[in-house]
Amino acid sequence: MTRFGIERGFGESERAAIVALLREYEAGLGVSLCFQGFEAEVAGLPGAFAPPGGQMLLAQTGTSTTGAVVLLFERELAAP
């Protein structure tokens, strides 16, 4: 069984691997994510996915980034 670790955060050294994973995800969906600003999100990483509003969790196998979970935290909205 392959062993992996989970790392928090985003480092410039992982940028290419994270972008490749996100592009693989989009391709696997079979639809373009352009309607939700996907290109801008990828170009601006970590952007909204950085603390305190979000978090990136990276799966590391040896020295390779092999997976990612990208979270945006729900915010409480003020009552109208």
N, C-alpha and C. Protein backbone atom coordinates (compact mmCIF):
# COMPACT_ATOMS: atom_id res chain seq x y z
N MET A 1 0.84 -1.17 0.00
CA MET A 1 0.00 0.00 0.00
C MET A 1 0.89 1.24 0.00
N THR A 2 0.52 2.23 -0.82
CA THR A 2 1.26 3.47 -0.91
C THR A 2 0.98 4.32 0.31
N ARG A 3 2.04 4.87 0.91
CA ARG A 3 1.89 5.75 2.06
C ARG A 3 1.91 7.18 1.56
N PHE A 4 1.08 8.00 2.18
CA PHE A 4 1.03 9.41 1.81
C PHE A 4 0.85 10.24 3.06
N GLY A 5 1.15 11.51 2.93
CA GLY A 5 0.96 12.46 4.01
C GLY A 5 0.05 13.58 3.54
N ILE A 6 -0.56 14.26 4.48
CA ILE A 6 -1.41 15.40 4.18
C ILE A 6 -0.73 16.65 4.73
N GLU A 7 -0.54 17.63 3.87
CA GLU A 7 0.08 18.90 4.25
C GLU A 7 -0.94 20.01 4.10
N ARG A 8 -0.91 20.96 5.01
CA ARG A 8 -1.77 22.14 4.89
C ARG A 8 -1.04 23.21 4.11
N GLY A 9 -1.82 23.98 3.37
CA GLY A 9 -1.26 25.17 2.78
C GLY A 9 -0.91 25.05 1.32
N PHE A 10 -0.30 26.10 0.86
CA PHE A 10 0.05 26.23 -0.55
C PHE A 10 1.42 26.87 -0.61
N GLY A 11 2.34 26.22 -1.29
CA GLY A 11 3.65 26.80 -1.49
C GLY A 11 3.91 26.95 -2.98
N GLU A 12 4.66 27.97 -3.32
CA GLU A 12 4.98 28.18 -4.73
C GLU A 12 5.63 26.96 -5.36
N SER A 13 6.34 26.17 -4.57
CA SER A 13 6.99 24.98 -5.11
C SER A 13 5.97 23.92 -5.56
N GLU A 14 4.74 23.99 -5.03
CA GLU A 14 3.70 23.04 -5.42
C GLU A 14 2.76 23.58 -6.49
N ARG A 15 2.94 24.85 -6.90
CA ARG A 15 1.99 25.49 -7.82
C ARG A 15 1.72 24.65 -9.07
N ALA A 16 2.75 24.21 -9.76
CA ALA A 16 2.55 23.47 -11.02
C ALA A 16 1.77 22.18 -10.79
N ALA A 17 2.07 21.47 -9.72
CA ALA A 17 1.37 20.22 -9.43
C ALA A 17 -0.09 20.47 -9.09
N ILE A 18 -0.36 21.53 -8.32
CA ILE A 18 -1.74 21.85 -7.94
C ILE A 18 -2.54 22.28 -9.17
N VAL A 19 -1.94 23.11 -10.00
CA VAL A 19 -2.62 23.53 -11.24
C VAL A 19 -2.93 22.31 -12.11
N ALA A 20 -1.98 21.40 -12.23
CA ALA A 20 -2.21 20.19 -13.04
C ALA A 20 -3.36 19.36 -12.46
N LEU A 21 -3.42 19.23 -11.14
CA LEU A 21 -4.52 18.49 -10.52
C LEU A 21 -5.87 19.16 -10.76
N LEU A 22 -5.91 20.48 -10.66
CA LEU A 22 -7.16 21.20 -10.89
C LEU A 22 -7.61 21.10 -12.35
N ARG A 23 -6.67 21.14 -13.26
CA ARG A 23 -7.01 20.99 -14.69
C ARG A 23 -7.49 19.57 -14.99
N GLU A 24 -6.88 18.59 -14.34
CA GLU A 24 -7.32 17.20 -14.49
C GLU A 24 -8.76 17.04 -13.97
N TYR A 25 -9.05 17.69 -12.85
CA TYR A 25 -10.39 17.68 -12.28
C TYR A 25 -11.40 18.27 -13.27
N GLU A 26 -11.08 19.44 -13.83
CA GLU A 26 -11.99 20.08 -14.79
C GLU A 26 -12.20 19.18 -16.01
N ALA A 27 -11.13 18.62 -16.53
CA ALA A 27 -11.24 17.75 -17.71
C ALA A 27 -12.10 16.53 -17.40
N GLY A 28 -11.98 16.00 -16.20
CA GLY A 28 -12.76 14.83 -15.81
C GLY A 28 -14.25 15.11 -15.69
N LEU A 29 -14.59 16.36 -15.42
CA LEU A 29 -16.01 16.72 -15.32
C LEU A 29 -16.70 16.68 -16.68
N GLY A 30 -15.92 16.98 -17.72
CA GLY A 30 -16.48 16.99 -19.07
C GLY A 30 -17.21 18.28 -19.42
N VAL A 31 -17.15 19.27 -18.54
CA VAL A 31 -17.74 20.58 -18.81
C VAL A 31 -16.73 21.65 -18.41
N SER A 32 -16.82 22.78 -19.08
CA SER A 32 -15.95 23.90 -18.76
C SER A 32 -16.44 24.57 -17.48
N LEU A 33 -15.51 24.98 -16.65
CA LEU A 33 -15.85 25.71 -15.43
C LEU A 33 -15.67 27.21 -15.61
N CYS A 34 -15.63 27.66 -16.86
CA CYS A 34 -15.42 29.08 -17.14
C CYS A 34 -16.52 29.94 -16.55
N PHE A 35 -17.73 29.41 -16.43
CA PHE A 35 -18.86 30.19 -15.91
C PHE A 35 -18.68 30.60 -14.45
N GLN A 36 -17.78 29.92 -13.73
CA GLN A 36 -17.57 30.28 -12.32
C GLN A 36 -16.19 30.88 -12.07
N GLY A 37 -15.53 31.35 -13.13
CA GLY A 37 -14.26 32.03 -12.96
C GLY A 37 -13.09 31.11 -12.65
N PHE A 38 -13.15 29.89 -13.17
CA PHE A 38 -12.12 28.89 -12.88
C PHE A 38 -10.73 29.36 -13.27
N GLU A 39 -10.59 29.95 -14.44
CA GLU A 39 -9.26 30.39 -14.91
C GLU A 39 -8.67 31.43 -13.96
N ALA A 40 -9.50 32.38 -13.50
CA ALA A 40 -9.02 33.40 -12.57
C ALA A 40 -8.63 32.78 -11.23
N GLU A 41 -9.41 31.80 -10.77
CA GLU A 41 -9.08 31.12 -9.51
C GLU A 41 -7.75 30.40 -9.62
N VAL A 42 -7.53 29.70 -10.72
CA VAL A 42 -6.28 28.97 -10.91
C VAL A 42 -5.10 29.94 -11.00
N ALA A 43 -5.28 31.01 -11.76
CA ALA A 43 -4.21 32.00 -11.92
C ALA A 43 -3.88 32.70 -10.61
N GLY A 44 -4.87 32.88 -9.74
CA GLY A 44 -4.67 33.62 -8.50
C GLY A 44 -4.45 32.77 -7.27
N LEU A 45 -4.16 31.49 -7.44
CA LEU A 45 -3.96 30.60 -6.29
C LEU A 45 -2.90 31.14 -5.33
N PRO A 46 -3.10 31.03 -4.02
CA PRO A 46 -4.21 30.37 -3.36
C PRO A 46 -5.46 31.23 -3.24
N GLY A 47 -5.36 32.53 -3.42
CA GLY A 47 -6.54 33.40 -3.45
C GLY A 47 -7.49 33.15 -2.29
N ALA A 48 -8.76 32.95 -2.61
CA ALA A 48 -9.79 32.75 -1.60
C ALA A 48 -9.60 31.46 -0.81
N PHE A 49 -8.75 30.58 -1.30
CA PHE A 49 -8.54 29.28 -0.65
C PHE A 49 -7.46 29.34 0.43
N ALA A 50 -6.94 30.53 0.70
CA ALA A 50 -5.97 30.72 1.78
C ALA A 50 -6.71 31.08 3.06
N PRO A 51 -6.14 30.75 4.21
CA PRO A 51 -6.77 31.15 5.47
C PRO A 51 -6.87 32.68 5.53
N PRO A 52 -7.85 33.21 6.20
CA PRO A 52 -8.81 32.54 7.07
C PRO A 52 -10.07 32.07 6.35
N GLY A 53 -10.25 32.41 5.07
CA GLY A 53 -11.48 32.07 4.37
C GLY A 53 -11.50 30.69 3.75
N GLY A 54 -10.36 30.05 3.66
CA GLY A 54 -10.30 28.75 3.04
C GLY A 54 -9.07 27.98 3.47
N GLN A 55 -8.87 26.83 2.88
CA GLN A 55 -7.72 25.99 3.21
C GLN A 55 -7.47 25.02 2.07
N MET A 56 -6.21 24.78 1.79
CA MET A 56 -5.82 23.75 0.82
C MET A 56 -5.12 22.64 1.59
N LEU A 57 -5.55 21.41 1.34
CA LEU A 57 -4.90 20.23 1.91
C LEU A 57 -4.30 19.45 0.75
N LEU A 58 -3.02 19.17 0.84
CA LEU A 58 -2.30 18.52 -0.26
C LEU A 58 -1.86 17.12 0.16
N ALA A 59 -2.18 16.13 -0.67
CA ALA A 59 -1.71 14.77 -0.45
C ALA A 59 -0.33 14.65 -1.07
N GLN A 60 0.63 14.21 -0.27
CA GLN A 60 2.01 14.05 -0.72
C GLN A 60 2.38 12.57 -0.69
N THR A 61 2.90 12.09 -1.81
CA THR A 61 3.44 10.74 -1.89
C THR A 61 4.92 10.91 -2.20
N GLY A 62 5.77 10.63 -1.23
CA GLY A 62 7.19 10.92 -1.40
C GLY A 62 7.36 12.42 -1.55
N THR A 63 7.95 12.83 -2.66
CA THR A 63 8.14 14.26 -2.92
C THR A 63 7.13 14.81 -3.92
N SER A 64 6.11 14.02 -4.27
CA SER A 64 5.13 14.43 -5.27
C SER A 64 3.80 14.83 -4.62
N THR A 65 3.19 15.87 -5.15
CA THR A 65 1.83 16.25 -4.76
C THR A 65 0.89 15.43 -5.63
N THR A 66 0.11 14.56 -4.99
CA THR A 66 -0.71 13.61 -5.74
C THR A 66 -2.21 13.83 -5.60
N GLY A 67 -2.60 14.78 -4.77
CA GLY A 67 -4.02 15.05 -4.60
C GLY A 67 -4.20 16.35 -3.83
N ALA A 68 -5.39 16.91 -3.92
CA ALA A 68 -5.68 18.15 -3.22
C ALA A 68 -7.15 18.21 -2.84
N VAL A 69 -7.39 18.82 -1.69
CA VAL A 69 -8.74 19.17 -1.25
C VAL A 69 -8.70 20.67 -1.05
N VAL A 70 -9.62 21.36 -1.69
CA VAL A 70 -9.65 22.83 -1.63
C VAL A 70 -10.96 23.22 -0.97
N LEU A 71 -10.86 23.93 0.14
CA LEU A 71 -12.04 24.26 0.94
C LEU A 71 -12.26 25.77 1.02
N LEU A 72 -13.51 26.16 0.96
CA LEU A 72 -13.93 27.52 1.28
C LEU A 72 -14.84 27.40 2.49
N PHE A 73 -14.54 28.17 3.53
CA PHE A 73 -15.32 28.09 4.75
C PHE A 73 -16.59 28.90 4.61
N GLU A 74 -17.67 28.36 5.12
CA GLU A 74 -18.96 29.04 5.09
C GLU A 74 -18.91 30.22 6.04
N ARG A 75 -19.43 31.33 5.59
CA ARG A 75 -19.48 32.52 6.43
C ARG A 75 -20.92 32.74 6.89
N GLU A 76 -21.05 33.24 8.09
CA GLU A 76 -22.39 33.61 8.56
C GLU A 76 -22.76 34.93 7.90
N LEU A 77 -23.97 34.98 7.39
CA LEU A 77 -24.45 36.19 6.77
C LEU A 77 -25.27 36.98 7.77
N ALA A 78 -25.10 38.28 7.74
CA ALA A 78 -25.87 39.13 8.63
C ALA A 78 -27.35 39.07 8.27
N ALA A 79 -28.19 39.11 9.25
CA ALA A 79 -29.64 39.11 9.00
C ALA A 79 -30.03 40.42 8.31
N PRO A 80 -30.97 40.35 7.37
CA PRO A 80 -31.39 41.58 6.67
C PRO A 80 -32.09 42.57 7.57
